[in-house]
Amino acid sequence: MSEKEGFSDKLKGAVNKGKGELKDQIGNATNDPNKQNEGKMDKAKGNIQDKIGDFKNNTKK
């Protein structure tokens, strides 16, 4: 069960990192610093979720 939870966190992390990169690039193209900041926050959230997934996967081994 824990491996599935870890995978779920890693998947959510990847989605948030992708969403964040998209927002960051759109903000860059439209010169919108608020959108860029949203993107950076989403990428950071994705990185944290990815690390949580790694932790969950490694604690049960």
PDB file of N, CA and C in Angstrom:
ATOM      1  N   MET A   1       0.822  -1.198   0.000  1.00  0.00           N
ATOM      2  CA  MET A   1       0.000   0.000   0.000  1.00  0.00           C
ATOM      3  C   MET A   1       0.861   1.255   0.000  1.00  0.00           C
ATOM      4  N   SER A   2       1.937   1.241   0.745  1.00  0.00           N
ATOM      5  CA  SER A   2       2.794   2.414   0.832  1.00  0.00           C
ATOM      6  C   SER A   2       3.433   2.762  -0.512  1.00  0.00           C
ATOM      7  N   GLU A   3       3.777   1.732  -1.295  1.00  0.00           N
ATOM      8  CA  GLU A   3       4.373   2.012  -2.598  1.00  0.00           C
ATOM      9  C   GLU A   3       3.385   2.739  -3.498  1.00  0.00           C
ATOM     10  N   LYS A   4       2.110   2.364  -3.399  1.00  0.00           N
ATOM     11  CA  LYS A   4       1.098   3.059  -4.192  1.00  0.00           C
ATOM     12  C   LYS A   4       0.956   4.503  -3.736  1.00  0.00           C
ATOM     13  N   GLU A   5       1.031   4.721  -2.421  1.00  0.00           N
ATOM     14  CA  GLU A   5       0.961   6.087  -1.901  1.00  0.00           C
ATOM     15  C   GLU A   5       2.161   6.893  -2.385  1.00  0.00           C
ATOM     16  N   GLY A   6       3.333   6.272  -2.361  1.00  0.00           N
ATOM     17  CA  GLY A   6       4.533   6.955  -2.838  1.00  0.00           C
ATOM     18  C   GLY A   6       4.432   7.289  -4.312  1.00  0.00           C
ATOM     19  N   PHE A   7       3.907   6.328  -5.096  1.00  0.00           N
ATOM     20  CA  PHE A   7       3.736   6.564  -6.526  1.00  0.00           C
ATOM     21  C   PHE A   7       2.749   7.698  -6.762  1.00  0.00           C
ATOM     22  N   SER A   8       1.668   7.707  -5.982  1.00  0.00           N
ATOM     23  CA  SER A   8       0.661   8.760  -6.114  1.00  0.00           C
ATOM     24  C   SER A   8       1.277  10.135  -5.836  1.00  0.00           C
ATOM     25  N   ASP A   9       2.095  10.215  -4.788  1.00  0.00           N
ATOM     26  CA  ASP A   9       2.752  11.494  -4.478  1.00  0.00           C
ATOM     27  C   ASP A   9       3.708  11.902  -5.591  1.00  0.00           C
ATOM     28  N   LYS A  10       4.441  10.933  -6.131  1.00  0.00           N
ATOM     29  CA  LYS A  10       5.373  11.249  -7.211  1.00  0.00           C
ATOM     30  C   LYS A  10       4.623  11.713  -8.457  1.00  0.00           C
ATOM     31  N   LEU A  11       3.475  11.083  -8.738  1.00  0.00           N
ATOM     32  CA  LEU A  11       2.668  11.480  -9.893  1.00  0.00           C
ATOM     33  C   LEU A  11       2.113  12.891  -9.709  1.00  0.00           C
ATOM     34  N   LYS A  12       1.574  13.161  -8.520  1.00  0.00           N
ATOM     35  CA  LYS A  12       1.076  14.514  -8.233  1.00  0.00           C
ATOM     36  C   LYS A  12       2.203  15.533  -8.347  1.00  0.00           C
ATOM     37  N   GLY A  13       3.387  15.163  -7.886  1.00  0.00           N
ATOM     38  CA  GLY A  13       4.538  16.052  -7.977  1.00  0.00           C
ATOM     39  C   GLY A  13       4.890  16.369  -9.413  1.00  0.00           C
ATOM     40  N   ALA A  14       4.866  15.340 -10.257  1.00  0.00           N
ATOM     41  CA  ALA A  14       5.195  15.547 -11.673  1.00  0.00           C
ATOM     42  C   ALA A  14       4.164  16.457 -12.341  1.00  0.00           C
ATOM     43  N   VAL A  15       2.904  16.264 -12.001  1.00  0.00           N
ATOM     44  CA  VAL A  15       1.844  17.107 -12.575  1.00  0.00           C
ATOM     45  C   VAL A  15       2.036  18.555 -12.135  1.00  0.00           C
ATOM     46  N   ASN A  16       2.305  18.758 -10.849  1.00  0.00           N
ATOM     47  CA  ASN A  16       2.496  20.124 -10.358  1.00  0.00           C
ATOM     48  C   ASN A  16       3.736  20.774 -10.958  1.00  0.00           C
ATOM     49  N   LYS A  17       4.804  19.996 -11.132  1.00  0.00           N
ATOM     50  CA  LYS A  17       6.003  20.569 -11.754  1.00  0.00           C
ATOM     51  C   LYS A  17       5.721  20.971 -13.194  1.00  0.00           C
ATOM     52  N   GLY A  18       4.982  20.139 -13.927  1.00  0.00           N
ATOM     53  CA  GLY A  18       4.629  20.471 -15.309  1.00  0.00           C
ATOM     54  C   GLY A  18       3.734  21.691 -15.391  1.00  0.00           C
ATOM     55  N   LYS A  19       2.741  21.727 -14.511  1.00  0.00           N
ATOM     56  CA  LYS A  19       1.821  22.877 -14.467  1.00  0.00           C
ATOM     57  C   LYS A  19       2.593  24.147 -14.109  1.00  0.00           C
ATOM     58  N   GLY A  20       3.513  24.014 -13.164  1.00  0.00           N
ATOM     59  CA  GLY A  20       4.304  25.170 -12.746  1.00  0.00           C
ATOM     60  C   GLY A  20       5.198  25.686 -13.852  1.00  0.00           C
ATOM     61  N   GLU A  21       5.813  24.758 -14.583  1.00  0.00           N
ATOM     62  CA  GLU A  21       6.682  25.171 -15.695  1.00  0.00           C
ATOM     63  C   GLU A  21       5.871  25.909 -16.756  1.00  0.00           C
ATOM     64  N   LEU A  22       4.670  25.403 -17.033  1.00  0.00           N
ATOM     65  CA  LEU A  22       3.802  26.054 -18.019  1.00  0.00           C
ATOM     66  C   LEU A  22       3.429  27.471 -17.577  1.00  0.00           C
ATOM     67  N   LYS A  23       3.010  27.614 -16.320  1.00  0.00           N
ATOM     68  CA  LYS A  23       2.662  28.947 -15.803  1.00  0.00           C
ATOM     69  C   LYS A  23       3.869  29.876 -15.834  1.00  0.00           C
ATOM     70  N   ASP A  24       5.027  29.350 -15.471  1.00  0.00           N
ATOM     71  CA  ASP A  24       6.245  30.156 -15.463  1.00  0.00           C
ATOM     72  C   ASP A  24       6.563  30.664 -16.873  1.00  0.00           C
ATOM     73  N   GLN A  25       6.444  29.786 -17.855  1.00  0.00           N
ATOM     74  CA  GLN A  25       6.741  30.181 -19.235  1.00  0.00           C
ATOM     75  C   GLN A  25       5.701  31.157 -19.781  1.00  0.00           C
ATOM     76  N   ILE A  26       4.440  30.935 -19.443  1.00  0.00           N
ATOM     77  CA  ILE A  26       3.390  31.871 -19.885  1.00  0.00           C
ATOM     78  C   ILE A  26       3.625  33.246 -19.247  1.00  0.00           C
ATOM     79  N   GLY A  27       3.949  33.255 -17.963  1.00  0.00           N
ATOM     80  CA  GLY A  27       4.247  34.520 -17.281  1.00  0.00           C
ATOM     81  C   GLY A  27       5.440  35.215 -17.885  1.00  0.00           C
ATOM     82  N   ASN A  28       6.438  34.436 -18.280  1.00  0.00           N
ATOM     83  CA  ASN A  28       7.631  35.003 -18.913  1.00  0.00           C
ATOM     84  C   ASN A  28       7.278  35.604 -20.274  1.00  0.00           C
ATOM     85  N   ALA A  29       6.469  34.874 -21.048  1.00  0.00           N
ATOM     86  CA  ALA A  29       6.111  35.341 -22.392  1.00  0.00           C
ATOM     87  C   ALA A  29       5.209  36.572 -22.346  1.00  0.00           C
ATOM     88  N   THR A  30       4.356  36.662 -21.326  1.00  0.00           N
ATOM     89  CA  THR A  30       3.416  37.782 -21.243  1.00  0.00           C
ATOM     90  C   THR A  30       3.900  38.875 -20.290  1.00  0.00           C
ATOM     91  N   ASN A  31       5.115  38.702 -19.768  1.00  0.00           N
ATOM     92  CA  ASN A  31       5.699  39.655 -18.832  1.00  0.00           C
ATOM     93  C   ASN A  31       4.782  39.856 -17.610  1.00  0.00           C
ATOM     94  N   ASP A  32       4.310  38.707 -17.071  1.00  0.00           N
ATOM     95  CA  ASP A  32       3.406  38.722 -15.917  1.00  0.00           C
ATOM     96  C   ASP A  32       4.131  38.074 -14.725  1.00  0.00           C
ATOM     97  N   PRO A  33       4.728  38.905 -13.857  1.00  0.00           N
ATOM     98  CA  PRO A  33       5.490  38.346 -12.731  1.00  0.00           C
ATOM     99  C   PRO A  33       4.634  37.537 -11.757  1.00  0.00           C
ATOM    100  N   ASN A  34       3.346  37.879 -11.624  1.00  0.00           N
ATOM    101  CA  ASN A  34       2.469  37.097 -10.742  1.00  0.00           C
ATOM    102  C   ASN A  34       2.302  35.670 -11.253  1.00  0.00           C
ATOM    103  N   LYS A  35       2.123  35.523 -12.561  1.00  0.00           N
ATOM    104  CA  LYS A  35       1.974  34.193 -13.154  1.00  0.00           C
ATOM    105  C   LYS A  35       3.285  33.413 -13.027  1.00  0.00           C
ATOM    106  N   GLN A  36       4.399  34.106 -13.200  1.00  0.00           N
ATOM    107  CA  GLN A  36       5.699  33.444 -13.030  1.00  0.00           C
ATOM    108  C   GLN A  36       5.852  32.944 -11.593  1.00  0.00           C
ATOM    109  N   ASN A  37       5.465  33.759 -10.626  1.00  0.00           N
ATOM    110  CA  ASN A  37       5.565  33.355  -9.223  1.00  0.00           C
ATOM    111  C   ASN A  37       4.653  32.170  -8.912  1.00  0.00           C
ATOM    112  N   GLU A  38       3.448  32.171  -9.498  1.00  0.00           N
ATOM    113  CA  GLU A  38       2.553  31.020  -9.323  1.00  0.00           C
ATOM    114  C   GLU A  38       3.233  29.759  -9.861  1.00  0.00           C
ATOM    115  N   GLY A  39       3.854  29.890 -11.004  1.00  0.00           N
ATOM    116  CA  GLY A  39       4.543  28.753 -11.609  1.00  0.00           C
ATOM    117  C   GLY A  39       5.688  28.251 -10.741  1.00  0.00           C
ATOM    118  N   LYS A  40       6.449  29.165 -10.199  1.00  0.00           N
ATOM    119  CA  LYS A  40       7.561  28.780  -9.330  1.00  0.00           C
ATOM    120  C   LYS A  40       7.057  28.079  -8.067  1.00  0.00           C
ATOM    121  N   MET A  41       5.934  28.551  -7.528  1.00  0.00           N
ATOM    122  CA  MET A  41       5.351  27.918  -6.344  1.00  0.00           C
ATOM    123  C   MET A  41       4.842  26.508  -6.674  1.00  0.00           C
ATOM    124  N   ASP A  42       4.212  26.351  -7.831  1.00  0.00           N
ATOM    125  CA  ASP A  42       3.735  25.027  -8.235  1.00  0.00           C
ATOM    126  C   ASP A  42       4.903  24.068  -8.431  1.00  0.00           C
ATOM    127  N   LYS A  43       5.993  24.572  -9.022  1.00  0.00           N
ATOM    128  CA  LYS A  43       7.169  23.711  -9.203  1.00  0.00           C
ATOM    129  C   LYS A  43       7.752  23.301  -7.861  1.00  0.00           C
ATOM    130  N   ALA A  44       7.798  24.227  -6.918  1.00  0.00           N
ATOM    131  CA  ALA A  44       8.314  23.904  -5.585  1.00  0.00           C
ATOM    132  C   ALA A  44       7.412  22.879  -4.896  1.00  0.00           C
ATOM    133  N   LYS A  45       6.106  23.058  -5.021  1.00  0.00           N
ATOM    134  CA  LYS A  45       5.155  22.105  -4.454  1.00  0.00           C
ATOM    135  C   LYS A  45       5.370  20.721  -5.074  1.00  0.00           C
ATOM    136  N   GLY A  46       5.584  20.683  -6.376  1.00  0.00           N
ATOM    137  CA  GLY A  46       5.836  19.421  -7.067  1.00  0.00           C
ATOM    138  C   GLY A  46       7.100  18.747  -6.588  1.00  0.00           C
ATOM    139  N   ASN A  47       8.143  19.533  -6.361  1.00  0.00           N
ATOM    140  CA  ASN A  47       9.399  18.964  -5.864  1.00  0.00           C
ATOM    141  C   ASN A  47       9.213  18.370  -4.475  1.00  0.00           C
ATOM    142  N   ILE A  48       8.449  19.042  -3.638  1.00  0.00           N
ATOM    143  CA  ILE A  48       8.189  18.530  -2.286  1.00  0.00           C
ATOM    144  C   ILE A  48       7.391  17.234  -2.355  1.00  0.00           C
ATOM    145  N   GLN A  49       6.355  17.203  -3.201  1.00  0.00           N
ATOM    146  CA  GLN A  49       5.559  15.986  -3.335  1.00  0.00           C
ATOM    147  C   GLN A  49       6.412  14.830  -3.851  1.00  0.00           C
ATOM    148  N   ASP A  50       7.312  15.117  -4.758  1.00  0.00           N
ATOM    149  CA  ASP A  50       8.207  14.096  -5.294  1.00  0.00           C
ATOM    150  C   ASP A  50       9.086  13.522  -4.182  1.00  0.00           C
ATOM    151  N   LYS A  51       9.618  14.395  -3.343  1.00  0.00           N
ATOM    152  CA  LYS A  51      10.472  13.946  -2.225  1.00  0.00           C
ATOM    153  C   LYS A  51       9.667  13.130  -1.213  1.00  0.00           C
ATOM    154  N   ILE A  52       8.412  13.524  -0.974  1.00  0.00           N
ATOM    155  CA  ILE A  52       7.553  12.766  -0.063  1.00  0.00           C
ATOM    156  C   ILE A  52       7.310  11.366  -0.634  1.00  0.00           C
ATOM    157  N   GLY A  53       7.091  11.284  -1.934  1.00  0.00           N
ATOM    158  CA  GLY A  53       6.908   9.990  -2.582  1.00  0.00           C
ATOM    159  C   GLY A  53       8.143   9.120  -2.441  1.00  0.00           C
ATOM    160  N   ASP A  54       9.318   9.709  -2.629  1.00  0.00           N
ATOM    161  CA  ASP A  54      10.571   8.960  -2.441  1.00  0.00           C
ATOM    162  C   ASP A  54      10.685   8.457  -1.011  1.00  0.00           C
ATOM    163  N   PHE A  55      10.360   9.307  -0.066  1.00  0.00           N
ATOM    164  CA  PHE A  55      10.446   8.935   1.344  1.00  0.00           C
ATOM    165  C   PHE A  55       9.515   7.768   1.656  1.00  0.00           C
ATOM    166  N   LYS A  56       8.270   7.858   1.175  1.00  0.00           N
ATOM    167  CA  LYS A  56       7.308   6.778   1.422  1.00  0.00           C
ATOM    168  C   LYS A  56       7.779   5.466   0.793  1.00  0.00           C
ATOM    169  N   ASN A  57       8.341   5.553  -0.402  1.00  0.00           N
ATOM    170  CA  ASN A  57       8.817   4.346  -1.071  1.00  0.00           C
ATOM    171  C   ASN A  57      10.015   3.737  -0.340  1.00  0.00           C
ATOM    172  N   ASN A  58      10.865   4.563   0.227  1.00  0.00           N
ATOM    173  CA  ASN A  58      12.088   4.063   0.861  1.00  0.00           C
ATOM    174  C   ASN A  58      11.893   3.615   2.305  1.00  0.00           C
ATOM    175  N   THR A  59      10.832   4.034   2.965  1.00  0.00           N
ATOM    176  CA  THR A  59      10.641   3.665   4.367  1.00  0.00           C
ATOM    177  C   THR A  59      10.132   2.242   4.522  1.00  0.00           C
ATOM    178  N   LYS A  60       9.498   1.694   3.517  1.00  0.00           N
ATOM    179  CA  LYS A  60       8.950   0.342   3.611  1.00  0.00           C
ATOM    180  C   LYS A  60       9.882  -0.717   3.058  1.00  0.00           C
ATOM    181  N   LYS A  61      11.070  -0.360   2.614  1.00  0.00           N
ATOM    182  CA  LYS A  61      11.985  -1.350   2.030  1.00  0.00           C
ATOM    183  C   LYS A  61      12.881  -1.945   3.081  1.00  0.00           C
TER     184      LYS A  61
END
